[in-house]
Amino acid sequence: MEKTVVSILLTASLLNGANLNECAKCHDKKAPPFNIIYRKYLVTYSSKKRIKEKMVDFLLNPSDKKSILPQEMKKRFFPRTHPAYSISVAEKTVEKIIEKEDPIKKIKIKH
């Protein structure tokens, strides 16, 4: 019951646009962190375009089959309680995740 309420609140808060702070409420505590998810997508699909397509597809209709997580992690973080989003919110959210987790932007070069 509690997870359903969280999902409803999370979905309602995201209807007006992507807000990673709302997503992070779960992804920082009990769901896999964005960086782990993004790295898995990056290794599997390699292009940002394909990553976006797959992540948006998952957010539109979350399911165990669409989840990129390994089977062991799916047992712990099964996506059945993950809220589904509208296409515009899903696209904005994924764009923000890709922007935030882009490994090239995290490289620091010392001069």
N, C-alpha and C. Protein backbone atom coordinates (compact mmCIF):
# COMPACT_ATOMS: atom_id res chain seq x y z
N MET A 1 0.83 -1.20 0.00
CA MET A 1 0.00 0.00 0.00
C MET A 1 0.87 1.25 0.00
N GLU A 2 1.89 1.29 0.86
CA GLU A 2 2.76 2.46 0.96
C GLU A 2 3.46 2.74 -0.37
N LYS A 3 3.93 1.69 -1.04
CA LYS A 3 4.61 1.87 -2.32
C LYS A 3 3.66 2.44 -3.37
N THR A 4 2.40 2.04 -3.33
CA THR A 4 1.42 2.58 -4.28
C THR A 4 1.21 4.07 -4.04
N VAL A 5 1.12 4.48 -2.80
CA VAL A 5 0.96 5.89 -2.46
C VAL A 5 2.17 6.68 -2.94
N VAL A 6 3.36 6.15 -2.71
CA VAL A 6 4.58 6.81 -3.17
C VAL A 6 4.56 6.95 -4.68
N SER A 7 4.16 5.89 -5.39
CA SER A 7 4.09 5.93 -6.84
C SER A 7 3.10 6.98 -7.33
N ILE A 8 1.95 7.06 -6.70
CA ILE A 8 0.94 8.04 -7.08
C ILE A 8 1.46 9.46 -6.84
N LEU A 9 2.05 9.69 -5.68
CA LEU A 9 2.60 11.01 -5.37
C LEU A 9 3.72 11.39 -6.32
N LEU A 10 4.58 10.44 -6.61
CA LEU A 10 5.69 10.67 -7.52
C LEU A 10 5.18 11.00 -8.91
N THR A 11 4.20 10.25 -9.38
CA THR A 11 3.62 10.50 -10.70
C THR A 11 2.97 11.87 -10.73
N ALA A 12 2.19 12.20 -9.71
CA ALA A 12 1.51 13.49 -9.68
C ALA A 12 2.50 14.65 -9.67
N SER A 13 3.59 14.50 -8.97
CA SER A 13 4.57 15.59 -8.89
C SER A 13 5.33 15.77 -10.19
N LEU A 14 5.37 14.74 -11.03
CA LEU A 14 6.11 14.83 -12.28
C LEU A 14 5.26 15.23 -13.48
N LEU A 15 3.97 15.37 -13.30
CA LEU A 15 3.10 15.67 -14.43
C LEU A 15 3.41 17.01 -15.07
N ASN A 16 3.94 17.95 -14.31
CA ASN A 16 4.25 19.27 -14.85
C ASN A 16 5.64 19.35 -15.48
N GLY A 17 6.38 18.28 -15.53
CA GLY A 17 7.70 18.28 -16.14
C GLY A 17 8.67 17.45 -15.34
N ALA A 18 9.82 17.24 -15.93
CA ALA A 18 10.83 16.39 -15.31
C ALA A 18 11.40 17.06 -14.08
N ASN A 19 11.50 16.31 -13.01
CA ASN A 19 12.10 16.80 -11.79
C ASN A 19 12.90 15.65 -11.17
N LEU A 20 14.19 15.67 -11.39
CA LEU A 20 15.02 14.57 -10.89
C LEU A 20 15.04 14.49 -9.38
N ASN A 21 14.75 15.60 -8.70
CA ASN A 21 14.71 15.55 -7.24
C ASN A 21 13.61 14.61 -6.76
N GLU A 22 12.49 14.58 -7.48
CA GLU A 22 11.41 13.67 -7.12
C GLU A 22 11.83 12.23 -7.38
N CYS A 23 12.48 11.99 -8.51
CA CYS A 23 12.95 10.64 -8.84
C CYS A 23 14.00 10.19 -7.83
N ALA A 24 14.86 11.13 -7.45
CA ALA A 24 15.96 10.81 -6.55
C ALA A 24 15.47 10.40 -5.16
N LYS A 25 14.27 10.77 -4.80
CA LYS A 25 13.75 10.36 -3.49
C LYS A 25 13.80 8.85 -3.33
N CYS A 26 13.50 8.13 -4.41
CA CYS A 26 13.59 6.66 -4.36
C CYS A 26 14.96 6.18 -4.83
N HIS A 27 15.47 6.80 -5.89
CA HIS A 27 16.72 6.32 -6.48
C HIS A 27 17.94 6.59 -5.60
N ASP A 28 17.83 7.45 -4.63
CA ASP A 28 18.93 7.67 -3.69
C ASP A 28 18.83 6.76 -2.47
N LYS A 29 17.65 6.21 -2.22
CA LYS A 29 17.46 5.44 -1.00
C LYS A 29 17.25 3.95 -1.25
N LYS A 30 16.26 3.59 -2.06
CA LYS A 30 15.96 2.17 -2.20
C LYS A 30 16.04 1.65 -3.62
N ALA A 31 15.96 2.52 -4.60
CA ALA A 31 16.08 2.10 -6.00
C ALA A 31 17.53 2.28 -6.44
N PRO A 32 17.93 1.60 -7.51
CA PRO A 32 19.32 1.76 -7.97
C PRO A 32 19.62 3.21 -8.33
N PRO A 33 20.79 3.70 -8.00
CA PRO A 33 21.15 5.09 -8.32
C PRO A 33 21.21 5.30 -9.83
N PHE A 34 20.97 6.55 -10.24
CA PHE A 34 20.97 6.91 -11.66
C PHE A 34 22.28 6.51 -12.34
N ASN A 35 23.41 6.71 -11.66
CA ASN A 35 24.69 6.43 -12.30
C ASN A 35 24.84 4.95 -12.65
N ILE A 36 24.34 4.05 -11.83
CA ILE A 36 24.40 2.63 -12.12
C ILE A 36 23.49 2.29 -13.31
N ILE A 37 22.30 2.84 -13.30
CA ILE A 37 21.36 2.58 -14.38
C ILE A 37 21.92 3.14 -15.69
N TYR A 38 22.40 4.37 -15.66
CA TYR A 38 22.91 4.99 -16.89
C TYR A 38 24.11 4.21 -17.43
N ARG A 39 25.00 3.80 -16.57
CA ARG A 39 26.18 3.04 -17.03
C ARG A 39 25.77 1.73 -17.70
N LYS A 40 24.76 1.09 -17.14
CA LYS A 40 24.26 -0.16 -17.73
C LYS A 40 23.70 0.10 -19.13
N TYR A 41 22.92 1.17 -19.27
CA TYR A 41 22.40 1.54 -20.59
C TYR A 41 23.54 1.89 -21.53
N LEU A 42 24.52 2.61 -21.06
CA LEU A 42 25.66 3.04 -21.88
C LEU A 42 26.44 1.84 -22.41
N VAL A 43 26.68 0.87 -21.56
CA VAL A 43 27.42 -0.33 -21.97
C VAL A 43 26.58 -1.15 -22.95
N THR A 44 25.28 -1.21 -22.74
CA THR A 44 24.41 -2.03 -23.57
C THR A 44 24.10 -1.40 -24.92
N TYR A 45 23.83 -0.09 -24.94
CA TYR A 45 23.36 0.56 -26.17
C TYR A 45 24.36 1.54 -26.79
N SER A 46 25.25 2.08 -26.05
CA SER A 46 26.35 2.96 -26.45
C SER A 46 25.98 4.32 -27.05
N SER A 47 24.91 4.45 -27.80
CA SER A 47 24.57 5.77 -28.35
C SER A 47 23.52 6.46 -27.47
N LYS A 48 23.68 7.76 -27.30
CA LYS A 48 22.72 8.50 -26.46
C LYS A 48 21.31 8.42 -27.03
N LYS A 49 21.20 8.39 -28.35
CA LYS A 49 19.88 8.29 -28.99
C LYS A 49 19.19 6.98 -28.61
N ARG A 50 19.92 5.88 -28.70
CA ARG A 50 19.36 4.56 -28.37
C ARG A 50 19.08 4.45 -26.87
N ILE A 51 19.97 5.01 -26.05
CA ILE A 51 19.77 5.02 -24.61
C ILE A 51 18.47 5.76 -24.28
N LYS A 52 18.30 6.92 -24.87
CA LYS A 52 17.09 7.71 -24.62
C LYS A 52 15.85 6.92 -25.03
N GLU A 53 15.88 6.31 -26.21
CA GLU A 53 14.73 5.53 -26.68
C GLU A 53 14.36 4.44 -25.67
N LYS A 54 15.36 3.70 -25.21
CA LYS A 54 15.11 2.58 -24.29
C LYS A 54 14.66 3.05 -22.91
N MET A 55 15.27 4.12 -22.41
CA MET A 55 14.88 4.63 -21.09
C MET A 55 13.46 5.20 -21.13
N VAL A 56 13.15 5.94 -22.18
CA VAL A 56 11.80 6.50 -22.33
C VAL A 56 10.79 5.37 -22.42
N ASP A 57 11.10 4.35 -23.20
CA ASP A 57 10.21 3.20 -23.34
C ASP A 57 9.93 2.57 -21.98
N PHE A 58 10.97 2.43 -21.16
CA PHE A 58 10.77 1.87 -19.82
C PHE A 58 9.88 2.77 -18.98
N LEU A 59 10.12 4.08 -19.00
CA LEU A 59 9.33 5.00 -18.18
C LEU A 59 7.87 5.09 -18.62
N LEU A 60 7.61 4.86 -19.89
CA LEU A 60 6.23 4.89 -20.38
C LEU A 60 5.44 3.66 -19.93
N ASN A 61 6.14 2.54 -19.82
CA ASN A 61 5.48 1.30 -19.44
C ASN A 61 6.48 0.39 -18.73
N PRO A 62 6.78 0.68 -17.46
CA PRO A 62 7.79 -0.09 -16.74
C PRO A 62 7.41 -1.57 -16.63
N SER A 63 8.38 -2.43 -16.88
CA SER A 63 8.14 -3.86 -16.72
C SER A 63 9.47 -4.57 -16.45
N ASP A 64 9.35 -5.76 -15.94
CA ASP A 64 10.53 -6.58 -15.66
C ASP A 64 11.30 -6.86 -16.95
N LYS A 65 10.60 -7.11 -18.03
CA LYS A 65 11.26 -7.43 -19.30
C LYS A 65 12.01 -6.23 -19.88
N LYS A 66 11.50 -5.02 -19.66
CA LYS A 66 12.13 -3.82 -20.19
C LYS A 66 13.26 -3.31 -19.30
N SER A 67 13.31 -3.78 -18.08
CA SER A 67 14.33 -3.33 -17.15
C SER A 67 15.72 -3.77 -17.62
N ILE A 68 16.67 -2.86 -17.54
CA ILE A 68 18.05 -3.13 -17.97
C ILE A 68 18.85 -3.81 -16.86
N LEU A 69 18.30 -3.85 -15.68
CA LEU A 69 19.02 -4.39 -14.54
C LEU A 69 19.25 -5.89 -14.68
N PRO A 70 20.38 -6.38 -14.14
CA PRO A 70 20.61 -7.83 -14.12
C PRO A 70 19.53 -8.51 -13.26
N GLN A 71 19.32 -9.78 -13.52
CA GLN A 71 18.26 -10.53 -12.84
C GLN A 71 18.35 -10.43 -11.32
N GLU A 72 19.56 -10.47 -10.79
CA GLU A 72 19.74 -10.40 -9.33
C GLU A 72 19.21 -9.07 -8.78
N MET A 73 19.47 -7.99 -9.52
CA MET A 73 18.99 -6.68 -9.07
C MET A 73 17.48 -6.54 -9.28
N LYS A 74 16.95 -7.18 -10.31
CA LYS A 74 15.50 -7.13 -10.54
C LYS A 74 14.74 -7.74 -9.37
N LYS A 75 15.32 -8.77 -8.78
CA LYS A 75 14.67 -9.40 -7.62
C LYS A 75 14.54 -8.40 -6.48
N ARG A 76 15.55 -7.57 -6.31
CA ARG A 76 15.55 -6.60 -5.22
C ARG A 76 14.80 -5.32 -5.59
N PHE A 77 14.93 -4.89 -6.84
CA PHE A 77 14.35 -3.63 -7.28
C PHE A 77 13.33 -3.85 -8.40
N PHE A 78 12.41 -4.74 -8.18
CA PHE A 78 11.43 -5.06 -9.23
C PHE A 78 10.66 -3.80 -9.62
N PRO A 79 10.54 -3.52 -10.91
CA PRO A 79 9.94 -2.25 -11.33
C PRO A 79 8.42 -2.16 -11.24
N ARG A 80 7.75 -3.12 -10.63
CA ARG A 80 6.29 -3.09 -10.61
C ARG A 80 5.74 -1.86 -9.88
N THR A 81 6.52 -1.29 -8.97
CA THR A 81 6.04 -0.11 -8.25
C THR A 81 6.54 1.19 -8.89
N HIS A 82 7.26 1.06 -10.01
CA HIS A 82 7.77 2.25 -10.69
C HIS A 82 6.60 2.91 -11.42
N PRO A 83 6.39 4.21 -11.20
CA PRO A 83 5.28 4.87 -11.89
C PRO A 83 5.57 5.01 -13.39
N ALA A 84 4.50 4.98 -14.18
CA ALA A 84 4.62 5.25 -15.62
C ALA A 84 4.40 6.74 -15.83
N TYR A 85 4.99 7.29 -16.88
CA TYR A 85 4.92 8.72 -17.13
C TYR A 85 4.39 9.01 -18.53
N SER A 86 3.99 10.24 -18.75
CA SER A 86 3.62 10.67 -20.09
C SER A 86 4.89 10.74 -20.92
N ILE A 87 4.73 10.74 -22.23
CA ILE A 87 5.91 10.75 -23.10
C ILE A 87 6.73 12.02 -22.92
N SER A 88 6.08 13.17 -22.75
CA SER A 88 6.84 14.42 -22.61
C SER A 88 7.64 14.44 -21.30
N VAL A 89 7.05 13.97 -20.23
CA VAL A 89 7.75 13.92 -18.95
C VAL A 89 8.88 12.89 -19.02
N ALA A 90 8.61 11.74 -19.61
CA ALA A 90 9.64 10.71 -19.74
C ALA A 90 10.83 11.22 -20.54
N GLU A 91 10.57 11.89 -21.66
CA GLU A 91 11.66 12.41 -22.49
C GLU A 91 12.47 13.47 -21.76
N LYS A 92 11.80 14.38 -21.06
CA LYS A 92 12.51 15.43 -20.31
C LYS A 92 13.35 14.81 -19.19
N THR A 93 12.78 13.84 -18.50
CA THR A 93 13.48 13.20 -17.40
C THR A 93 14.72 12.47 -17.90
N VAL A 94 14.58 11.72 -18.96
CA VAL A 94 15.71 10.98 -19.53
C VAL A 94 16.79 11.94 -20.01
N GLU A 95 16.40 13.03 -20.64
CA GLU A 95 17.39 14.02 -21.08
C GLU A 95 18.19 14.55 -19.90
N LYS A 96 17.51 14.81 -18.79
CA LYS A 96 18.21 15.30 -17.59
C LYS A 96 19.14 14.24 -17.01
N ILE A 97 18.70 12.99 -17.02
CA ILE A 97 19.56 11.91 -16.50
C ILE A 97 20.79 11.76 -17.37
N ILE A 98 20.60 11.76 -18.68
CA ILE A 98 21.73 11.64 -19.60
C ILE A 98 22.70 12.80 -19.42
N GLU A 99 22.17 13.99 -19.30
CA GLU A 99 23.00 15.18 -19.10
C GLU A 99 23.78 15.09 -17.78
N LYS A 100 23.10 14.68 -16.73
CA LYS A 100 23.71 14.61 -15.40
C LYS A 100 24.74 13.49 -15.29
N GLU A 101 24.47 12.35 -15.91
CA GLU A 101 25.32 11.18 -15.73
C GLU A 101 26.34 10.97 -16.86
N ASP A 102 26.39 11.85 -17.83
CA ASP A 102 27.32 11.72 -18.94
C ASP A 102 28.75 11.60 -18.43
N PRO A 103 29.41 10.46 -18.65
CA PRO A 103 30.76 10.27 -18.09
C PRO A 103 31.80 11.23 -18.66
N ILE A 104 31.63 11.70 -19.87
CA ILE A 104 32.57 12.64 -20.47
C ILE A 104 32.58 13.95 -19.67
N LYS A 105 31.44 14.36 -19.19
CA LYS A 105 31.35 15.59 -18.42
C LYS A 105 31.96 15.45 -17.02
N LYS A 106 32.14 14.22 -16.60
CA LYS A 106 32.68 13.98 -15.25
C LYS A 106 34.20 13.87 -15.24
N ILE A 107 34.79 13.83 -16.43
CA ILE A 107 36.25 13.75 -16.51
C ILE A 107 36.85 15.10 -16.16
N LYS A 108 37.77 15.09 -15.24
CA LYS A 108 38.45 16.33 -14.84
C LYS A 108 39.89 16.27 -15.32
N ILE A 109 40.27 17.25 -16.07
CA ILE A 109 41.63 17.31 -16.60
C ILE A 109 42.41 18.34 -15.80
N LYS A 110 43.55 17.90 -15.29
CA LYS A 110 44.41 18.83 -14.55
C LYS A 110 45.33 19.51 -15.53
N HIS A 111 45.47 20.80 -15.38
CA HIS A 111 46.36 21.57 -16.26
C HIS A 111 47.69 21.80 -15.60
